[in-house]
Amino acid sequence: MTAAAKKELRAEVCHDLCVGTATCTQVAPKAFVLDQNRQAVFNENGDWEDVQLQEAADCCPMSAITVLRILPS
């Protein structure tokens, strides 16, 4: 995967909704980690694929993940 392809999408996690089920870390382990509060954090420098971000958002039982398209600068 090229760096340009990796940067087409990014994710945001709403910590008001995240309850730490860690589904996202199973679906996209290089895109999400759990912080000290057991809430997901997006790793923008991870080696993930865009499809993994969307799948993680779709699988989140709390709908806490939003996938955003990065506009070219």
N, C-alpha and C. Protein backbone atom coordinates (compact mmCIF):
# COMPACT_ATOMS: atom_id res chain seq x y z
N MET A 1 0.84 -1.17 0.00
CA MET A 1 0.00 0.00 0.00
C MET A 1 0.88 1.23 0.00
N THR A 2 0.48 2.24 -0.76
CA THR A 2 1.26 3.46 -0.79
C THR A 2 0.80 4.40 0.31
N ALA A 3 1.66 5.31 0.67
CA ALA A 3 1.32 6.27 1.72
C ALA A 3 0.14 7.13 1.29
N ALA A 4 0.06 7.46 -0.02
CA ALA A 4 -1.05 8.28 -0.50
C ALA A 4 -2.37 7.55 -0.35
N ALA A 5 -2.40 6.27 -0.66
CA ALA A 5 -3.63 5.50 -0.53
C ALA A 5 -4.05 5.40 0.92
N LYS A 6 -3.09 5.26 1.80
CA LYS A 6 -3.39 5.13 3.22
C LYS A 6 -4.04 6.39 3.77
N LYS A 7 -3.71 7.52 3.21
CA LYS A 7 -4.16 8.79 3.75
C LYS A 7 -5.46 9.29 3.11
N GLU A 8 -6.15 8.50 2.30
CA GLU A 8 -7.42 8.93 1.71
C GLU A 8 -8.52 9.02 2.74
N LEU A 9 -8.47 8.17 3.75
CA LEU A 9 -9.47 8.18 4.81
C LEU A 9 -8.78 8.30 6.15
N ARG A 10 -9.54 8.79 7.12
CA ARG A 10 -9.09 8.80 8.50
C ARG A 10 -10.31 8.52 9.35
N ALA A 11 -10.11 8.29 10.61
CA ALA A 11 -11.23 7.98 11.51
C ALA A 11 -11.17 8.87 12.74
N GLU A 12 -12.35 9.11 13.29
CA GLU A 12 -12.46 9.80 14.56
C GLU A 12 -13.29 8.92 15.48
N VAL A 13 -12.92 8.88 16.74
CA VAL A 13 -13.64 8.08 17.73
C VAL A 13 -14.29 9.04 18.72
N CYS A 14 -15.59 8.91 18.90
CA CYS A 14 -16.31 9.71 19.88
C CYS A 14 -16.21 9.02 21.23
N HIS A 15 -15.47 9.62 22.14
CA HIS A 15 -15.27 9.01 23.45
C HIS A 15 -16.51 9.13 24.34
N ASP A 16 -17.48 9.93 23.94
CA ASP A 16 -18.75 9.95 24.65
C ASP A 16 -19.56 8.69 24.37
N LEU A 17 -19.27 8.03 23.23
CA LEU A 17 -19.98 6.82 22.84
C LEU A 17 -19.17 5.54 23.06
N CYS A 18 -17.86 5.62 22.92
CA CYS A 18 -17.00 4.43 23.01
C CYS A 18 -17.05 3.82 24.42
N VAL A 19 -17.34 2.52 24.46
CA VAL A 19 -17.38 1.81 25.76
C VAL A 19 -16.28 0.75 25.85
N GLY A 20 -15.39 0.73 24.88
CA GLY A 20 -14.23 -0.15 24.96
C GLY A 20 -14.48 -1.61 24.64
N THR A 21 -15.40 -1.89 23.72
CA THR A 21 -15.62 -3.29 23.33
C THR A 21 -14.43 -3.84 22.55
N ALA A 22 -13.62 -2.97 22.00
CA ALA A 22 -12.39 -3.32 21.27
C ALA A 22 -12.65 -4.04 19.96
N THR A 23 -13.87 -3.97 19.44
CA THR A 23 -14.15 -4.56 18.14
C THR A 23 -13.26 -3.94 17.06
N CYS A 24 -13.07 -2.64 17.15
CA CYS A 24 -12.25 -1.96 16.14
C CYS A 24 -10.80 -2.44 16.16
N THR A 25 -10.28 -2.76 17.34
CA THR A 25 -8.90 -3.22 17.42
C THR A 25 -8.75 -4.63 16.86
N GLN A 26 -9.83 -5.37 16.81
CA GLN A 26 -9.81 -6.70 16.21
C GLN A 26 -9.92 -6.62 14.70
N VAL A 27 -10.76 -5.70 14.21
CA VAL A 27 -10.98 -5.55 12.77
C VAL A 27 -9.82 -4.82 12.11
N ALA A 28 -9.32 -3.79 12.78
CA ALA A 28 -8.24 -2.97 12.22
C ALA A 28 -7.18 -2.72 13.30
N PRO A 29 -6.42 -3.74 13.66
CA PRO A 29 -5.48 -3.62 14.78
C PRO A 29 -4.37 -2.60 14.58
N LYS A 30 -4.08 -2.23 13.36
CA LYS A 30 -3.03 -1.24 13.13
C LYS A 30 -3.61 0.17 13.01
N ALA A 31 -4.93 0.27 13.07
CA ALA A 31 -5.58 1.58 12.99
C ALA A 31 -6.10 2.06 14.34
N PHE A 32 -6.39 1.12 15.25
CA PHE A 32 -6.97 1.49 16.53
C PHE A 32 -6.25 0.79 17.67
N VAL A 33 -6.09 1.51 18.76
CA VAL A 33 -5.57 0.96 20.01
C VAL A 33 -6.48 1.44 21.12
N LEU A 34 -6.43 0.77 22.26
CA LEU A 34 -7.19 1.22 23.42
C LEU A 34 -6.28 2.05 24.32
N ASP A 35 -6.81 3.15 24.81
CA ASP A 35 -6.03 3.98 25.72
C ASP A 35 -6.17 3.48 27.15
N GLN A 36 -5.65 4.20 28.11
CA GLN A 36 -5.67 3.78 29.51
C GLN A 36 -7.09 3.70 30.07
N ASN A 37 -8.06 4.34 29.41
CA ASN A 37 -9.46 4.27 29.82
C ASN A 37 -10.23 3.18 29.07
N ARG A 38 -9.51 2.37 28.31
CA ARG A 38 -10.11 1.32 27.47
C ARG A 38 -11.03 1.89 26.40
N GLN A 39 -10.69 3.06 25.90
CA GLN A 39 -11.41 3.65 24.79
C GLN A 39 -10.51 3.64 23.56
N ALA A 40 -11.15 3.47 22.41
CA ALA A 40 -10.39 3.38 21.17
C ALA A 40 -9.79 4.73 20.80
N VAL A 41 -8.59 4.66 20.23
CA VAL A 41 -7.90 5.83 19.71
C VAL A 41 -7.42 5.47 18.30
N PHE A 42 -7.65 6.35 17.35
CA PHE A 42 -7.23 6.13 15.97
C PHE A 42 -5.74 6.42 15.83
N ASN A 43 -5.02 5.51 15.18
CA ASN A 43 -3.59 5.66 14.94
C ASN A 43 -3.39 6.07 13.48
N GLU A 44 -3.33 7.36 13.23
CA GLU A 44 -3.24 7.84 11.85
C GLU A 44 -1.95 7.42 11.15
N ASN A 45 -0.93 7.03 11.90
CA ASN A 45 0.34 6.60 11.31
C ASN A 45 0.45 5.09 11.17
N GLY A 46 -0.61 4.37 11.52
CA GLY A 46 -0.59 2.92 11.42
C GLY A 46 -0.62 2.43 9.98
N ASP A 47 -0.33 1.17 9.81
CA ASP A 47 -0.29 0.56 8.47
C ASP A 47 -1.62 -0.14 8.19
N TRP A 48 -2.70 0.63 8.09
CA TRP A 48 -4.03 0.11 7.86
C TRP A 48 -4.47 0.40 6.43
N GLU A 49 -5.54 -0.25 6.02
CA GLU A 49 -6.12 0.00 4.71
C GLU A 49 -7.47 0.68 4.89
N ASP A 50 -7.86 1.48 3.92
CA ASP A 50 -9.11 2.22 4.01
C ASP A 50 -10.30 1.32 4.30
N VAL A 51 -10.35 0.16 3.67
CA VAL A 51 -11.47 -0.75 3.87
C VAL A 51 -11.56 -1.21 5.33
N GLN A 52 -10.44 -1.31 6.00
CA GLN A 52 -10.44 -1.71 7.41
C GLN A 52 -11.08 -0.64 8.29
N LEU A 53 -10.84 0.63 7.96
CA LEU A 53 -11.46 1.70 8.74
C LEU A 53 -12.97 1.65 8.62
N GLN A 54 -13.45 1.47 7.40
CA GLN A 54 -14.90 1.42 7.21
C GLN A 54 -15.50 0.20 7.89
N GLU A 55 -14.82 -0.93 7.82
CA GLU A 55 -15.32 -2.14 8.48
C GLU A 55 -15.35 -1.95 10.00
N ALA A 56 -14.33 -1.33 10.55
CA ALA A 56 -14.30 -1.08 11.99
C ALA A 56 -15.46 -0.17 12.40
N ALA A 57 -15.72 0.86 11.61
CA ALA A 57 -16.84 1.76 11.91
C ALA A 57 -18.16 1.02 11.82
N ASP A 58 -18.31 0.19 10.80
CA ASP A 58 -19.55 -0.57 10.61
C ASP A 58 -19.76 -1.59 11.74
N CYS A 59 -18.69 -2.13 12.27
CA CYS A 59 -18.79 -3.16 13.32
C CYS A 59 -18.91 -2.59 14.73
N CYS A 60 -18.65 -1.33 14.91
CA CYS A 60 -18.69 -0.73 16.25
C CYS A 60 -20.12 -0.78 16.79
N PRO A 61 -20.35 -1.49 17.89
CA PRO A 61 -21.71 -1.62 18.41
C PRO A 61 -22.28 -0.31 18.96
N MET A 62 -21.43 0.65 19.22
CA MET A 62 -21.88 1.94 19.76
C MET A 62 -21.90 3.05 18.69
N SER A 63 -21.51 2.70 17.47
CA SER A 63 -21.40 3.69 16.38
C SER A 63 -20.52 4.87 16.79
N ALA A 64 -19.44 4.57 17.46
CA ALA A 64 -18.55 5.60 17.98
C ALA A 64 -17.49 6.04 16.98
N ILE A 65 -17.37 5.35 15.85
CA ILE A 65 -16.32 5.65 14.88
C ILE A 65 -16.92 6.30 13.65
N THR A 66 -16.34 7.42 13.27
CA THR A 66 -16.73 8.11 12.04
C THR A 66 -15.54 8.07 11.09
N VAL A 67 -15.78 7.65 9.86
CA VAL A 67 -14.73 7.62 8.85
C VAL A 67 -14.88 8.87 7.99
N LEU A 68 -13.78 9.56 7.81
CA LEU A 68 -13.77 10.81 7.06
C LEU A 68 -12.82 10.72 5.87
N ARG A 69 -13.21 11.30 4.78
CA ARG A 69 -12.33 11.37 3.60
C ARG A 69 -11.48 12.62 3.74
N ILE A 70 -10.18 12.47 3.52
CA ILE A 70 -9.26 13.58 3.58
C ILE A 70 -9.27 14.28 2.22
N LEU A 71 -9.55 15.56 2.23
CA LEU A 71 -9.56 16.33 0.99
C LEU A 71 -8.13 16.64 0.58
N PRO A 72 -7.85 16.54 -0.72
CA PRO A 72 -6.49 16.86 -1.17
C PRO A 72 -6.18 18.34 -0.91
N SER A 73 -4.93 18.59 -0.57
CA SER A 73 -4.57 19.99 -0.27
C SER A 73 -4.05 20.70 -1.49
